[in-house]
Amino acid sequence: MNRSQFSHPAFRTAAGTLAGYGLLLLVLTVLLFLVPYAIFAGF
């Protein structure tokens, strides 16, 4: 199993999609949970 095996555009698209969703989840988690916690905890 070598790296050239995963150079097909479908694998790159899948990896980009997963990375994008992961980044989106991280941003939403910070905005919805950590920011209000910081505000109500007195920062």
PDB file of N, CA and C in Angstrom:
ATOM      1  N   MET A   1       0.844  -1.170   0.000  1.00  0.00           N
ATOM      2  CA  MET A   1       0.000   0.000   0.000  1.00  0.00           C
ATOM      3  C   MET A   1       0.897   1.244   0.000  1.00  0.00           C
ATOM      4  N   ASN A   2       0.951   1.919  -1.122  1.00  0.00           N
ATOM      5  CA  ASN A   2       1.794   3.096  -1.220  1.00  0.00           C
ATOM      6  C   ASN A   2       0.950   4.354  -1.397  1.00  0.00           C
ATOM      7  N   ARG A   3       1.618   5.487  -1.347  1.00  0.00           N
ATOM      8  CA  ARG A   3       0.905   6.761  -1.366  1.00  0.00           C
ATOM      9  C   ARG A   3       0.279   7.065  -2.716  1.00  0.00           C
ATOM     10  N   SER A   4       0.863   6.614  -3.801  1.00  0.00           N
ATOM     11  CA  SER A   4       0.318   6.898  -5.125  1.00  0.00           C
ATOM     12  C   SER A   4      -1.043   6.245  -5.315  1.00  0.00           C
ATOM     13  N   GLN A   5      -1.331   5.284  -4.482  1.00  0.00           N
ATOM     14  CA  GLN A   5      -2.616   4.608  -4.544  1.00  0.00           C
ATOM     15  C   GLN A   5      -3.762   5.559  -4.165  1.00  0.00           C
ATOM     16  N   PHE A   6      -3.461   6.585  -3.360  1.00  0.00           N
ATOM     17  CA  PHE A   6      -4.483   7.504  -2.870  1.00  0.00           C
ATOM     18  C   PHE A   6      -4.429   8.861  -3.566  1.00  0.00           C
ATOM     19  N   SER A   7      -3.819   8.936  -4.740  1.00  0.00           N
ATOM     20  CA  SER A   7      -3.699  10.216  -5.427  1.00  0.00           C
ATOM     21  C   SER A   7      -4.847  10.462  -6.394  1.00  0.00           C
ATOM     22  N   HIS A   8      -5.793   9.573  -6.454  1.00  0.00           N
ATOM     23  CA  HIS A   8      -6.955   9.758  -7.327  1.00  0.00           C
ATOM     24  C   HIS A   8      -7.776  10.951  -6.834  1.00  0.00           C
ATOM     25  N   PRO A   9      -8.364  11.713  -7.754  1.00  0.00           N
ATOM     26  CA  PRO A   9      -9.146  12.886  -7.342  1.00  0.00           C
ATOM     27  C   PRO A   9     -10.277  12.579  -6.363  1.00  0.00           C
ATOM     28  N   ALA A  10     -10.827  11.395  -6.417  1.00  0.00           N
ATOM     29  CA  ALA A  10     -11.909  11.049  -5.491  1.00  0.00           C
ATOM     30  C   ALA A  10     -11.397  11.007  -4.053  1.00  0.00           C
ATOM     31  N   PHE A  11     -10.191  10.490  -3.843  1.00  0.00           N
ATOM     32  CA  PHE A  11      -9.628  10.455  -2.499  1.00  0.00           C
ATOM     33  C   PHE A  11      -9.315  11.860  -2.003  1.00  0.00           C
ATOM     34  N   ARG A  12      -8.810  12.702  -2.918  1.00  0.00           N
ATOM     35  CA  ARG A  12      -8.525  14.091  -2.534  1.00  0.00           C
ATOM     36  C   ARG A  12      -9.807  14.825  -2.187  1.00  0.00           C
ATOM     37  N   THR A  13     -10.865  14.580  -2.940  1.00  0.00           N
ATOM     38  CA  THR A  13     -12.157  15.208  -2.662  1.00  0.00           C
ATOM     39  C   THR A  13     -12.702  14.744  -1.322  1.00  0.00           C
ATOM     40  N   ALA A  14     -12.619  13.448  -1.053  1.00  0.00           N
ATOM     41  CA  ALA A  14     -13.096  12.914   0.220  1.00  0.00           C
ATOM     42  C   ALA A  14     -12.305  13.496   1.382  1.00  0.00           C
ATOM     43  N   ALA A  15     -10.999  13.596   1.239  1.00  0.00           N
ATOM     44  CA  ALA A  15     -10.167  14.150   2.309  1.00  0.00           C
ATOM     45  C   ALA A  15     -10.485  15.630   2.528  1.00  0.00           C
ATOM     46  N   GLY A  16     -10.677  16.374   1.449  1.00  0.00           N
ATOM     47  CA  GLY A  16     -11.035  17.781   1.577  1.00  0.00           C
ATOM     48  C   GLY A  16     -12.391  17.974   2.218  1.00  0.00           C
ATOM     49  N   THR A  17     -13.333  17.122   1.867  1.00  0.00           N
ATOM     50  CA  THR A  17     -14.665  17.200   2.454  1.00  0.00           C
ATOM     51  C   THR A  17     -14.609  16.920   3.951  1.00  0.00           C
ATOM     52  N   LEU A  18     -13.907  15.877   4.341  1.00  0.00           N
ATOM     53  CA  LEU A  18     -13.777  15.547   5.765  1.00  0.00           C
ATOM     54  C   LEU A  18     -13.058  16.658   6.534  1.00  0.00           C
ATOM     55  N   ALA A  19     -12.027  17.219   5.936  1.00  0.00           N
ATOM     56  CA  ALA A  19     -11.309  18.303   6.602  1.00  0.00           C
ATOM     57  C   ALA A  19     -12.202  19.534   6.745  1.00  0.00           C
ATOM     58  N   GLY A  20     -12.973  19.829   5.716  1.00  0.00           N
ATOM     59  CA  GLY A  20     -13.881  20.977   5.777  1.00  0.00           C
ATOM     60  C   GLY A  20     -14.956  20.801   6.826  1.00  0.00           C
ATOM     61  N   TYR A  21     -15.566  19.629   6.882  1.00  0.00           N
ATOM     62  CA  TYR A  21     -16.585  19.364   7.899  1.00  0.00           C
ATOM     63  C   TYR A  21     -15.984  19.399   9.298  1.00  0.00           C
ATOM     64  N   GLY A  22     -14.787  18.867   9.445  1.00  0.00           N
ATOM     65  CA  GLY A  22     -14.126  18.910  10.750  1.00  0.00           C
ATOM     66  C   GLY A  22     -13.861  20.332  11.197  1.00  0.00           C
ATOM     67  N   LEU A  23     -13.392  21.170  10.281  1.00  0.00           N
ATOM     68  CA  LEU A  23     -13.137  22.571  10.608  1.00  0.00           C
ATOM     69  C   LEU A  23     -14.437  23.285  10.952  1.00  0.00           C
ATOM     70  N   LEU A  24     -15.483  23.027  10.191  1.00  0.00           N
ATOM     71  CA  LEU A  24     -16.787  23.627  10.466  1.00  0.00           C
ATOM     72  C   LEU A  24     -17.310  23.211  11.842  1.00  0.00           C
ATOM     73  N   LEU A  25     -17.185  21.933  12.183  1.00  0.00           N
ATOM     74  CA  LEU A  25     -17.622  21.470  13.499  1.00  0.00           C
ATOM     75  C   LEU A  25     -16.823  22.125  14.623  1.00  0.00           C
ATOM     76  N   LEU A  26     -15.541  22.301  14.398  1.00  0.00           N
ATOM     77  CA  LEU A  26     -14.701  22.943  15.406  1.00  0.00           C
ATOM     78  C   LEU A  26     -15.123  24.387  15.622  1.00  0.00           C
ATOM     79  N   VAL A  27     -15.349  25.119  14.545  1.00  0.00           N
ATOM     80  CA  VAL A  27     -15.760  26.518  14.655  1.00  0.00           C
ATOM     81  C   VAL A  27     -17.123  26.627  15.340  1.00  0.00           C
ATOM     82  N   LEU A  28     -18.072  25.789  14.954  1.00  0.00           N
ATOM     83  CA  LEU A  28     -19.394  25.838  15.564  1.00  0.00           C
ATOM     84  C   LEU A  28     -19.350  25.465  17.043  1.00  0.00           C
ATOM     85  N   THR A  29     -18.511  24.498  17.395  1.00  0.00           N
ATOM     86  CA  THR A  29     -18.372  24.125  18.800  1.00  0.00           C
ATOM     87  C   THR A  29     -17.839  25.294  19.617  1.00  0.00           C
ATOM     88  N   VAL A  30     -16.847  25.980  19.079  1.00  0.00           N
ATOM     89  CA  VAL A  30     -16.291  27.139  19.793  1.00  0.00           C
ATOM     90  C   VAL A  30     -17.347  28.227  19.930  1.00  0.00           C
ATOM     91  N   LEU A  31     -18.063  28.519  18.852  1.00  0.00           N
ATOM     92  CA  LEU A  31     -19.054  29.596  18.894  1.00  0.00           C
ATOM     93  C   LEU A  31     -20.243  29.271  19.788  1.00  0.00           C
ATOM     94  N   LEU A  32     -20.695  28.034  19.760  1.00  0.00           N
ATOM     95  CA  LEU A  32     -21.913  27.688  20.492  1.00  0.00           C
ATOM     96  C   LEU A  32     -21.683  27.300  21.950  1.00  0.00           C
ATOM     97  N   PHE A  33     -20.473  26.857  22.292  1.00  0.00           N
ATOM     98  CA  PHE A  33     -20.238  26.375  23.646  1.00  0.00           C
ATOM     99  C   PHE A  33     -19.154  27.167  24.383  1.00  0.00           C
ATOM    100  N   LEU A  34     -18.019  27.368  23.778  1.00  0.00           N
ATOM    101  CA  LEU A  34     -16.921  27.999  24.502  1.00  0.00           C
ATOM    102  C   LEU A  34     -17.100  29.502  24.658  1.00  0.00           C
ATOM    103  N   VAL A  35     -17.628  30.179  23.650  1.00  0.00           N
ATOM    104  CA  VAL A  35     -17.838  31.629  23.760  1.00  0.00           C
ATOM    105  C   VAL A  35     -18.883  31.948  24.826  1.00  0.00           C
ATOM    106  N   PRO A  36     -20.067  31.326  24.816  1.00  0.00           N
ATOM    107  CA  PRO A  36     -21.019  31.614  25.896  1.00  0.00           C
ATOM    108  C   PRO A  36     -20.482  31.237  27.287  1.00  0.00           C
ATOM    109  N   TYR A  37     -19.743  30.151  27.371  1.00  0.00           N
ATOM    110  CA  TYR A  37     -19.152  29.761  28.658  1.00  0.00           C
ATOM    111  C   TYR A  37     -18.200  30.850  29.148  1.00  0.00           C
ATOM    112  N   ALA A  38     -17.387  31.372  28.243  1.00  0.00           N
ATOM    113  CA  ALA A  38     -16.449  32.432  28.629  1.00  0.00           C
ATOM    114  C   ALA A  38     -17.189  33.691  29.055  1.00  0.00           C
ATOM    115  N   ILE A  39     -18.290  34.007  28.382  1.00  0.00           N
ATOM    116  CA  ILE A  39     -19.059  35.202  28.736  1.00  0.00           C
ATOM    117  C   ILE A  39     -19.691  35.042  30.117  1.00  0.00           C
ATOM    118  N   PHE A  40     -20.348  33.905  30.359  1.00  0.00           N
ATOM    119  CA  PHE A  40     -21.042  33.710  31.623  1.00  0.00           C
ATOM    120  C   PHE A  40     -20.097  33.405  32.780  1.00  0.00           C
ATOM    121  N   ALA A  41     -18.912  32.926  32.493  1.00  0.00           N
ATOM    122  CA  ALA A  41     -17.954  32.633  33.555  1.00  0.00           C
ATOM    123  C   ALA A  41     -17.212  33.889  33.993  1.00  0.00           C
ATOM    124  N   GLY A  42     -17.420  34.989  33.290  1.00  0.00           N
ATOM    125  CA  GLY A  42     -16.788  36.238  33.681  1.00  0.00           C
ATOM    126  C   GLY A  42     -15.506  36.509  32.928  1.00  0.00           C
ATOM    127  N   PHE A  43     -15.225  35.680  31.951  1.00  0.00           N
ATOM    128  CA  PHE A  43     -14.034  35.802  31.093  1.00  0.00           C
ATOM    129  C   PHE A  43     -12.797  35.846  31.931  1.00  0.00           C
TER     130      PHE A  43
END
